[in-house]
PDB file of N, CA and C in Angstrom:
ATOM      1  N   MET A   1      -9.990   2.512   5.376  1.00  0.00           N
ATOM      2  CA  MET A   1      -9.547   1.198   5.350  1.00  0.00           C
ATOM      3  C   MET A   1      -7.889   1.025   5.807  1.00  0.00           C
ATOM      4  N   PHE A   2      -7.083   2.252   6.013  1.00  0.00           N
ATOM      5  CA  PHE A   2      -6.227   2.129   6.915  1.00  0.00           C
ATOM      6  C   PHE A   2      -5.972   2.296   8.238  1.00  0.00           C
ATOM      7  N   LEU A   3      -5.772   1.645   9.125  1.00  0.00           N
ATOM      8  CA  LEU A   3      -5.439   1.681  10.538  1.00  0.00           C
ATOM      9  C   LEU A   3      -4.601   2.469  11.174  1.00  0.00           C
ATOM     10  N   ASP A   4      -3.555   2.730  10.108  1.00  0.00           N
ATOM     11  CA  ASP A   4      -2.305   3.804  10.994  1.00  0.00           C
ATOM     12  C   ASP A   4      -1.774   4.101   9.532  1.00  0.00           C
ATOM     13  N   GLY A   5      -0.979   5.118   9.689  1.00  0.00           N
ATOM     14  CA  GLY A   5      -0.110   5.630   8.726  1.00  0.00           C
ATOM     15  C   GLY A   5       0.669   4.603   7.801  1.00  0.00           C
ATOM     16  N   LYS A   6       1.542   3.538   8.422  1.00  0.00           N
ATOM     17  CA  LYS A   6       2.256   2.611   8.002  1.00  0.00           C
ATOM     18  C   LYS A   6       1.641   2.119   6.805  1.00  0.00           C
ATOM     19  N   LYS A   7       0.511   1.667   6.919  1.00  0.00           N
ATOM     20  CA  LYS A   7      -0.298   0.681   5.483  1.00  0.00           C
ATOM     21  C   LYS A   7      -0.298   1.966   4.325  1.00  0.00           C
ATOM     22  N   LEU A   8      -1.008   3.135   4.830  1.00  0.00           N
ATOM     23  CA  LEU A   8      -0.989   4.087   3.899  1.00  0.00           C
ATOM     24  C   LEU A   8       0.135   4.283   3.261  1.00  0.00           C
ATOM     25  N   VAL A   9       1.006   4.896   3.606  1.00  0.00           N
ATOM     26  CA  VAL A   9       2.478   5.131   3.178  1.00  0.00           C
ATOM     27  C   VAL A   9       3.000   3.635   2.430  1.00  0.00           C
ATOM     28  N   ALA A  10       2.612   2.647   3.135  1.00  0.00           N
ATOM     29  CA  ALA A  10       3.280   1.447   2.050  1.00  0.00           C
ATOM     30  C   ALA A  10       2.297   1.218   0.858  1.00  0.00           C
ATOM     31  N   ASN A  11       1.216   1.345   1.087  1.00  0.00           N
ATOM     32  CA  ASN A  11       0.098   1.175  -0.299  1.00  0.00           C
ATOM     33  C   ASN A  11       0.444   2.540  -1.432  1.00  0.00           C
ATOM     34  N   LEU A  12       0.921   3.607  -0.876  1.00  0.00           N
ATOM     35  CA  LEU A  12       1.400   4.653  -1.797  1.00  0.00           C
ATOM     36  C   LEU A  12       2.678   4.466  -2.800  1.00  0.00           C
ATOM     37  N   VAL A  13       3.739   3.521  -1.766  1.00  0.00           N
ATOM     38  CA  VAL A  13       4.905   3.524  -2.299  1.00  0.00           C
ATOM     39  C   VAL A  13       4.678   2.503  -3.046  1.00  0.00           C
ATOM     40  N   ALA A  14       4.102   1.196  -2.853  1.00  0.00           N
ATOM     41  CA  ALA A  14       3.774   0.532  -3.672  1.00  0.00           C
ATOM     42  C   ALA A  14       3.177   0.656  -4.855  1.00  0.00           C
ATOM     43  N   ASN A  15       2.150   1.391  -5.017  1.00  0.00           N
ATOM     44  CA  ASN A  15       1.456   1.897  -6.265  1.00  0.00           C
ATOM     45  C   ASN A  15       2.489   2.621  -7.200  1.00  0.00           C
ATOM     46  N   LYS A  16       3.464   3.592  -6.531  1.00  0.00           N
ATOM     47  CA  LYS A  16       4.034   4.594  -7.136  1.00  0.00           C
ATOM     48  C   LYS A  16       5.177   3.641  -7.995  1.00  0.00           C
ATOM     49  N   GLU A  17       5.731   2.477  -7.306  1.00  0.00           N
ATOM     50  CA  GLU A  17       6.216   1.396  -8.222  1.00  0.00           C
ATOM     51  C   GLU A  17       5.760   0.827  -9.276  1.00  0.00           C
ATOM     52  N   MET A  18       4.702   0.420  -9.208  1.00  0.00           N
ATOM     53  CA  MET A  18       3.479  -0.284  -9.943  1.00  0.00           C
ATOM     54  C   MET A  18       3.554   0.674 -11.108  1.00  0.00           C
ATOM     55  N   ILE A  19       2.873   1.999 -10.804  1.00  0.00           N
ATOM     56  CA  ILE A  19       2.943   2.778 -11.875  1.00  0.00           C
ATOM     57  C   ILE A  19       4.077   3.267 -12.766  1.00  0.00           C
ATOM     58  N   LYS A  20       5.270   3.277 -12.000  1.00  0.00           N
ATOM     59  CA  LYS A  20       6.658   3.573 -12.698  1.00  0.00           C
ATOM     60  C   LYS A  20       6.969   2.462 -13.791  1.00  0.00           C
ATOM     61  N   ASN A  21       6.389   1.136 -13.409  1.00  0.00           N
ATOM     62  CA  ASN A  21       6.994   0.268 -14.161  1.00  0.00           C
ATOM     63  C   ASN A  21       5.991  -0.439 -15.075  1.00  0.00           C
ATOM     64  N   GLY A  22       4.662   0.351 -15.212  1.00  0.00           N
ATOM     65  CA  GLY A  22       3.543   0.217 -16.038  1.00  0.00           C
ATOM     66  C   GLY A  22       2.938  -1.042 -15.863  1.00  0.00           C
ATOM     67  N   GLN A  23       2.557  -1.236 -14.359  1.00  0.00           N
ATOM     68  CA  GLN A  23       1.913  -2.427 -14.051  1.00  0.00           C
ATOM     69  C   GLN A  23       0.544  -2.097 -13.360  1.00  0.00           C
ATOM     70  N   GLY A  24       0.222  -0.942 -13.485  1.00  0.00           N
ATOM     71  CA  GLY A  24      -1.153  -0.508 -13.064  1.00  0.00           C
ATOM     72  C   GLY A  24      -0.965  -0.293 -11.681  1.00  0.00           C
ATOM     73  N   ILE A  25      -2.227  -0.487 -10.803  1.00  0.00           N
ATOM     74  CA  ILE A  25      -2.083  -0.289  -9.294  1.00  0.00           C
ATOM     75  C   ILE A  25      -2.806  -1.287  -8.794  1.00  0.00           C
ATOM     76  N   ILE A  26      -2.314  -1.221  -7.372  1.00  0.00           N
ATOM     77  CA  ILE A  26      -3.065  -2.176  -6.556  1.00  0.00           C
ATOM     78  C   ILE A  26      -4.110  -1.511  -5.590  1.00  0.00           C
ATOM     79  N   ALA A  27      -5.481  -1.973  -5.921  1.00  0.00           N
ATOM     80  CA  ALA A  27      -6.279  -1.737  -5.272  1.00  0.00           C
ATOM     81  C   ALA A  27      -7.596  -2.856  -4.782  1.00  0.00           C
ATOM     82  N   VAL A  28      -7.625  -2.808  -3.537  1.00  0.00           N
ATOM     83  CA  VAL A  28      -8.285  -3.923  -2.618  1.00  0.00           C
ATOM     84  C   VAL A  28      -9.856  -3.716  -2.896  1.00  0.00           C
ATOM     85  N   PRO A  29     -10.412  -4.494  -3.560  1.00  0.00           N
ATOM     86  CA  PRO A  29     -11.973  -4.079  -3.853  1.00  0.00           C
ATOM     87  C   PRO A  29     -13.003  -3.977  -2.287  1.00  0.00           C
ATOM     88  N   VAL A  30     -13.615  -3.191  -1.945  1.00  0.00           N
ATOM     89  CA  VAL A  30     -14.378  -3.113  -0.878  1.00  0.00           C
ATOM     90  C   VAL A  30     -14.931  -4.405  -0.457  1.00  0.00           C
ATOM     91  N   GLU A  31     -15.660  -5.221  -1.402  1.00  0.00           N
ATOM     92  CA  GLU A  31     -16.270  -6.526  -0.818  1.00  0.00           C
ATOM     93  C   GLU A  31     -15.259  -7.489  -0.623  1.00  0.00           C
ATOM     94  N   GLU A  32     -14.181  -7.203  -0.943  1.00  0.00           N
ATOM     95  CA  GLU A  32     -12.632  -8.334  -0.766  1.00  0.00           C
ATOM     96  C   GLU A  32     -11.794  -7.958   0.548  1.00  0.00           C
ATOM     97  N   ILE A  33     -12.297  -6.718   1.425  1.00  0.00           N
ATOM     98  CA  ILE A  33     -11.354  -6.299   2.503  1.00  0.00           C
ATOM     99  C   ILE A  33     -11.125  -7.524   3.459  1.00  0.00           C
ATOM    100  N   GLY A  34     -12.175  -8.304   3.983  1.00  0.00           N
ATOM    101  CA  GLY A  34     -12.225  -9.409   4.784  1.00  0.00           C
ATOM    102  C   GLY A  34     -11.101 -10.364   4.284  1.00  0.00           C
ATOM    103  N   ASN A  35     -11.182 -10.956   2.794  1.00  0.00           N
ATOM    104  CA  ASN A  35     -10.077 -11.707   2.549  1.00  0.00           C
ATOM    105  C   ASN A  35      -8.646 -11.211   2.663  1.00  0.00           C
ATOM    106  N   TYR A  36      -8.766  -9.966   2.200  1.00  0.00           N
ATOM    107  CA  TYR A  36      -7.357  -9.445   2.229  1.00  0.00           C
ATOM    108  C   TYR A  36      -6.591  -9.448   3.668  1.00  0.00           C
ATOM    109  N   LEU A  37      -7.628  -8.805   4.624  1.00  0.00           N
ATOM    110  CA  LEU A  37      -6.976  -9.177   5.960  1.00  0.00           C
ATOM    111  C   LEU A  37      -6.986 -10.430   6.451  1.00  0.00           C
ATOM    112  N   THR A  38      -7.305 -11.444   6.054  1.00  0.00           N
ATOM    113  CA  THR A  38      -7.249 -12.716   6.304  1.00  0.00           C
ATOM    114  C   THR A  38      -5.746 -13.368   5.936  1.00  0.00           C
ATOM    115  N   LYS A  39      -5.532 -12.932   4.485  1.00  0.00           N
ATOM    116  CA  LYS A  39      -4.302 -13.289   3.716  1.00  0.00           C
ATOM    117  C   LYS A  39      -3.183 -12.420   4.433  1.00  0.00           C
ATOM    118  N   LEU A  40      -3.029 -11.136   4.973  1.00  0.00           N
ATOM    119  CA  LEU A  40      -2.443 -10.319   5.495  1.00  0.00           C
ATOM    120  C   LEU A  40      -1.842 -10.800   6.805  1.00  0.00           C
ATOM    121  N   THR A  41      -3.090 -11.145   7.625  1.00  0.00           N
ATOM    122  CA  THR A  41      -2.814 -11.707   8.820  1.00  0.00           C
ATOM    123  C   THR A  41      -1.861 -13.123   8.810  1.00  0.00           C
ATOM    124  N   LEU A  42      -2.347 -13.859   8.004  1.00  0.00           N
ATOM    125  CA  LEU A  42      -1.628 -15.101   7.795  1.00  0.00           C
ATOM    126  C   LEU A  42       0.104 -14.691   7.532  1.00  0.00           C
ATOM    127  N   TYR A  43       0.330 -13.663   6.749  1.00  0.00           N
ATOM    128  CA  TYR A  43       1.470 -13.467   6.328  1.00  0.00           C
ATOM    129  C   TYR A  43       2.219 -13.000   7.556  1.00  0.00           C
ATOM    130  N   TYR A  44       1.522 -12.153   8.237  1.00  0.00           N
ATOM    131  CA  TYR A  44       2.201 -11.217   9.486  1.00  0.00           C
ATOM    132  C   TYR A  44       2.538 -12.323  10.751  1.00  0.00           C
ATOM    133  N   GLU A  45       2.036 -13.535  10.383  1.00  0.00           N
ATOM    134  CA  GLU A  45       1.963 -14.587  11.515  1.00  0.00           C
ATOM    135  C   GLU A  45       3.118 -15.820  11.213  1.00  0.00           C
ATOM    136  N   THR A  46       3.121 -15.863   9.824  1.00  0.00           N
ATOM    137  CA  THR A  46       4.119 -16.957   9.373  1.00  0.00           C
ATOM    138  C   THR A  46       5.133 -16.220   8.548  1.00  0.00           C
ATOM    139  N   GLY A  47       5.135 -15.321   8.004  1.00  0.00           N
ATOM    140  CA  GLY A  47       6.324 -14.589   7.218  1.00  0.00           C
ATOM    141  C   GLY A  47       6.374 -14.982   5.917  1.00  0.00           C
ATOM    142  N   ASP A  48       5.257 -15.924   5.399  1.00  0.00           N
ATOM    143  CA  ASP A  48       5.577 -16.489   4.249  1.00  0.00           C
ATOM    144  C   ASP A  48       4.369 -15.797   3.247  1.00  0.00           C
ATOM    145  N   ASN A  49       4.882 -15.022   2.330  1.00  0.00           N
ATOM    146  CA  ASN A  49       3.910 -14.088   1.746  1.00  0.00           C
ATOM    147  C   ASN A  49       3.303 -14.974   0.399  1.00  0.00           C
ATOM    148  N   THR A  50       3.552 -16.018   0.099  1.00  0.00           N
ATOM    149  CA  THR A  50       3.249 -16.566  -1.219  1.00  0.00           C
ATOM    150  C   THR A  50       1.679 -16.406  -1.488  1.00  0.00           C
ATOM    151  N   LYS A  51       0.883 -16.878  -0.292  1.00  0.00           N
ATOM    152  CA  LYS A  51      -0.575 -16.890  -0.512  1.00  0.00           C
ATOM    153  C   LYS A  51      -1.122 -15.429  -0.879  1.00  0.00           C
ATOM    154  N   LEU A  52      -0.623 -14.364   0.019  1.00  0.00           N
ATOM    155  CA  LEU A  52      -0.868 -12.955   0.024  1.00  0.00           C
ATOM    156  C   LEU A  52      -0.753 -12.432  -1.647  1.00  0.00           C
ATOM    157  N   LYS A  53       0.443 -12.717  -2.027  1.00  0.00           N
ATOM    158  CA  LYS A  53       1.311 -12.148  -3.379  1.00  0.00           C
ATOM    159  C   LYS A  53       0.411 -12.751  -4.258  1.00  0.00           C
ATOM    160  N   GLU A  54      -0.108 -14.021  -4.483  1.00  0.00           N
ATOM    161  CA  GLU A  54      -0.938 -14.697  -5.461  1.00  0.00           C
ATOM    162  C   GLU A  54      -2.328 -13.841  -5.353  1.00  0.00           C
ATOM    163  N   TRP A  55      -2.788 -13.739  -4.182  1.00  0.00           N
ATOM    164  CA  TRP A  55      -4.127 -13.329  -4.040  1.00  0.00           C
ATOM    165  C   TRP A  55      -4.602 -12.155  -4.720  1.00  0.00           C
ATOM    166  N   ILE A  56      -3.050 -10.806  -3.947  1.00  0.00           N
ATOM    167  CA  ILE A  56      -3.378  -9.675  -4.495  1.00  0.00           C
ATOM    168  C   ILE A  56      -3.330  -9.700  -6.247  1.00  0.00           C
ATOM    169  N   TYR A  57      -2.316 -10.654  -6.714  1.00  0.00           N
ATOM    170  CA  TYR A  57      -2.074 -10.614  -8.091  1.00  0.00           C
ATOM    171  C   TYR A  57      -3.354 -10.841  -9.060  1.00  0.00           C
ATOM    172  N   ASP A  58      -4.384 -11.878  -8.325  1.00  0.00           N
ATOM    173  CA  ASP A  58      -5.573 -12.421  -8.859  1.00  0.00           C
ATOM    174  C   ASP A  58      -6.813 -11.449  -8.755  1.00  0.00           C
ATOM    175  N   ASN A  59      -6.556 -10.512  -7.588  1.00  0.00           N
ATOM    176  CA  ASN A  59      -7.629 -10.019  -7.066  1.00  0.00           C
ATOM    177  C   ASN A  59      -7.735  -8.544  -7.130  1.00  0.00           C
ATOM    178  N   CYS A  60      -6.370  -7.771  -6.993  1.00  0.00           N
ATOM    179  CA  CYS A  60      -6.263  -6.595  -6.458  1.00  0.00           C
ATOM    180  C   CYS A  60      -5.440  -5.641  -7.717  1.00  0.00           C
ATOM    181  N   ILE A  61      -4.942  -6.117  -9.009  1.00  0.00           N
ATOM    182  CA  ILE A  61      -4.171  -5.452  -9.619  1.00  0.00           C
ATOM    183  C   ILE A  61      -5.237  -4.673 -10.903  1.00  0.00           C
ATOM    184  N   ASP A  62      -4.943  -3.576 -10.907  1.00  0.00           N
ATOM    185  CA  ASP A  62      -6.213  -2.865 -12.187  1.00  0.00           C
ATOM    186  C   ASP A  62      -5.435  -1.859 -12.516  1.00  0.00           C
ATOM    187  N   GLY A  63      -5.698  -1.664 -13.878  1.00  0.00           N
ATOM    188  CA  GLY A  63      -5.188  -0.727 -15.023  1.00  0.00           C
ATOM    189  C   GLY A  63      -3.955  -1.451 -15.808  1.00  0.00           C
ATOM    190  N   VAL A  64      -3.763  -2.718 -16.109  1.00  0.00           N
ATOM    191  CA  VAL A  64      -2.783  -3.025 -16.837  1.00  0.00           C
ATOM    192  C   VAL A  64      -3.165  -3.195 -18.036  1.00  0.00           C
TER     193      VAL A  64
END
């Protein structure tokens, strides 16, 4: 899933903070990776993280 170490480290740090604050973890379902990458690319291209954050909240938060 990770193409380079930066994404892996970012995921680990994000999940550490999520767990520390009792918010579960961020886990992108395998069947949703295409949608995730589309939203992530849109964020990279526009700098607007609104749609990415909403999508992650709706589809990727687990363990709450």
